[in-house]
C-alpha cells in the first residue's frame, strides 16, 4: 500500500471508531419523552403507531380495524379496561378505525400524552 492510502485508511478507521463511541455514549430520548400531548382542533388528534389495531371492546377481543395513519383522531379515553401496560396501564381510547368501524385503541399504541383527552361517558 502507498503511504497515502495507509494514512487515509487509518483516518477512516479512527473516524468510524469515534462515531461508534459517540453512538454508545449519547443518550436518546424515549418516545414518551419526545411526545407532546394530544391536541384539539374541534377533534382530538394524537400521534400513534402505524397499523395499530382497533378493538371491539376496551377489554380486547375482536380487532375491528387498524390505523394506517400516524396521526389519528380520538373521541375520548377510559382508564377502565384490560391491562395494556405503559404509563396508563388500563387506558383505552375510543376512535374510528380507518375502515370506518368504531372501537378502542390501546394507550400504548399512542405516542402522544393522552391525558388531555376527555373522559368517555360511563
Protein backbone atom coordinates (compact mmCIF):
# COMPACT_ATOMS: atom_id res chain seq x y z
CA UNK A 1 0.00 0.00 0.00
CA UNK A 2 1.10 3.51 -0.59
CA UNK A 3 1.74 5.85 2.31
CA UNK A 4 -1.31 7.96 1.32
CA UNK A 5 -3.71 5.00 1.22
CA UNK A 6 -2.47 3.70 4.57
CA UNK A 7 -2.88 7.13 6.16
CA UNK A 8 -6.36 7.57 4.68
CA UNK A 9 -7.37 4.11 5.91
CA UNK A 10 -6.16 4.91 9.45
CA UNK A 11 -8.03 8.23 9.42
CA UNK A 12 -11.19 6.48 8.21
CA UNK A 13 -10.96 3.83 10.91
CA UNK A 14 -10.39 6.49 13.58
CA UNK A 15 -13.48 8.41 12.42
CA UNK A 16 -15.52 5.21 12.44
CA UNK A 17 -14.35 4.39 15.98
CA UNK A 18 -15.19 7.92 17.17
CA UNK A 19 -18.67 7.70 15.64
CA UNK A 20 -19.29 4.34 17.28
CA UNK A 21 -18.20 5.61 20.70
CA UNK A 22 -20.45 8.67 20.39
CA UNK A 23 -23.39 6.46 19.44
CA UNK A 24 -22.79 4.38 22.56
CA UNK A 25 -22.49 7.35 24.93
CA UNK A 26 -25.06 9.78 23.52
CA UNK A 27 -28.34 9.43 25.46
CA UNK A 28 -31.50 9.01 23.45
CA UNK A 29 -34.97 10.05 24.50
CA UNK A 30 -37.80 7.57 24.70
CA UNK A 31 -40.99 8.09 22.70
CA UNK A 32 -42.73 9.33 25.86
CA UNK A 33 -40.07 11.99 26.44
CA UNK A 34 -40.38 13.27 22.88
CA UNK A 35 -44.15 13.20 22.66
CA UNK A 36 -46.31 16.16 23.42
CA UNK A 37 -49.93 15.90 24.37
CA UNK A 38 -52.86 15.26 22.07
CA UNK A 39 -54.34 18.46 20.62
CA UNK A 40 -57.84 19.70 19.86
CA UNK A 41 -58.89 21.35 16.60
CA UNK A 42 -62.57 20.57 17.03
CA UNK A 43 -61.49 16.91 17.24
CA UNK A 44 -58.79 15.43 19.43
CA UNK A 45 -55.71 14.33 17.47
CA UNK A 46 -52.82 12.21 18.71
CA UNK A 47 -49.68 10.67 17.21
CA UNK A 48 -49.97 6.88 17.07
CA UNK A 49 -48.26 3.71 15.87
CA UNK A 50 -48.78 2.93 12.17
CA UNK A 51 -51.01 -0.13 11.77
CA UNK A 52 -52.24 -0.06 15.37
CA UNK A 53 -55.23 -2.35 15.94
CA UNK A 54 -58.63 -1.02 16.98
CA UNK A 55 -60.56 -3.45 19.18
CA UNK A 56 -64.28 -4.01 19.54
CA UNK A 57 -64.06 -3.59 23.31
CA UNK A 58 -61.81 -1.92 25.87
CA UNK A 59 -61.35 -5.44 27.14
CA UNK A 60 -59.65 -6.50 23.90
CA UNK A 61 -61.38 -9.19 21.94
CA UNK A 62 -62.02 -8.90 18.22
CA UNK A 63 -59.98 -6.48 16.14
CA UNK A 64 -62.44 -4.38 14.12
CA UNK A 65 -59.88 -2.38 12.13
CA UNK A 66 -56.48 -0.70 12.03
CA UNK A 67 -55.00 2.79 11.90
CA UNK A 68 -52.89 3.19 8.78
CA UNK A 69 -52.04 6.78 9.65
CA UNK A 70 -49.67 8.03 12.33
CA UNK A 71 -51.87 10.97 13.30
CA UNK A 72 -55.41 9.93 14.16
CA UNK A 73 -58.41 11.45 15.92
CA UNK A 74 -59.96 10.19 19.10
CA UNK A 75 -63.22 10.94 20.89
CA UNK A 76 -62.31 10.16 24.49
CA UNK A 77 -60.32 7.97 26.89
CA UNK A 78 -61.21 5.47 29.58
CA UNK A 79 -59.00 4.10 32.34
CA UNK A 80 -61.30 1.14 32.96
CA UNK A 81 -60.25 -1.59 30.57
CA UNK A 82 -57.91 -4.55 30.33
CA UNK A 83 -54.30 -4.08 31.32
CA UNK A 84 -52.18 -2.73 28.44
CA UNK A 85 -49.06 -1.52 30.29
CA UNK A 86 -47.26 1.77 29.83
CA UNK A 87 -47.78 4.94 31.83
CA UNK A 88 -51.58 4.47 31.78
CA UNK A 89 -51.87 0.72 32.32
CA UNK A 90 -55.63 0.36 31.79
CA UNK A 91 -56.27 3.24 29.36
CA UNK A 92 -58.10 2.76 26.08
CA UNK A 93 -59.10 5.42 23.52
CA UNK A 94 -62.46 5.46 21.67
CA UNK A 95 -61.94 6.10 17.94
CA UNK A 96 -62.93 5.17 14.43
CA UNK A 97 -60.60 2.80 12.57
CA UNK A 98 -59.53 3.60 9.02
CA UNK A 99 -62.15 1.16 7.72
CA UNK A 100 -64.92 3.23 9.39
CA UNK A 101 -65.64 0.85 12.28
CA UNK A 102 -65.71 2.19 15.83
CA UNK A 103 -63.69 0.71 18.65
CA UNK A 104 -60.93 1.15 21.20
CA UNK A 105 -57.19 1.60 20.70
CA UNK A 106 -54.72 0.71 23.45
CA UNK A 107 -52.99 3.70 25.01
CA UNK A 108 -49.60 2.04 24.46
CA UNK A 109 -50.17 2.42 20.70
CA UNK A 110 -50.30 6.22 21.06
CA UNK A 111 -47.09 8.27 21.26
CA UNK A 112 -48.81 11.50 22.40
CA UNK A 113 -49.70 12.03 26.04
CA UNK A 114 -53.41 11.18 26.22
CA UNK A 115 -54.24 12.96 29.50
CA UNK A 116 -55.75 15.95 27.60
CA UNK A 117 -58.47 13.75 26.05
CA UNK A 118 -61.89 13.97 27.72
CA UNK A 119 -63.08 11.01 29.76
CA UNK A 120 -65.58 8.76 27.94
CA UNK A 121 -69.11 8.73 29.37
CA UNK A 122 -69.79 5.75 31.62
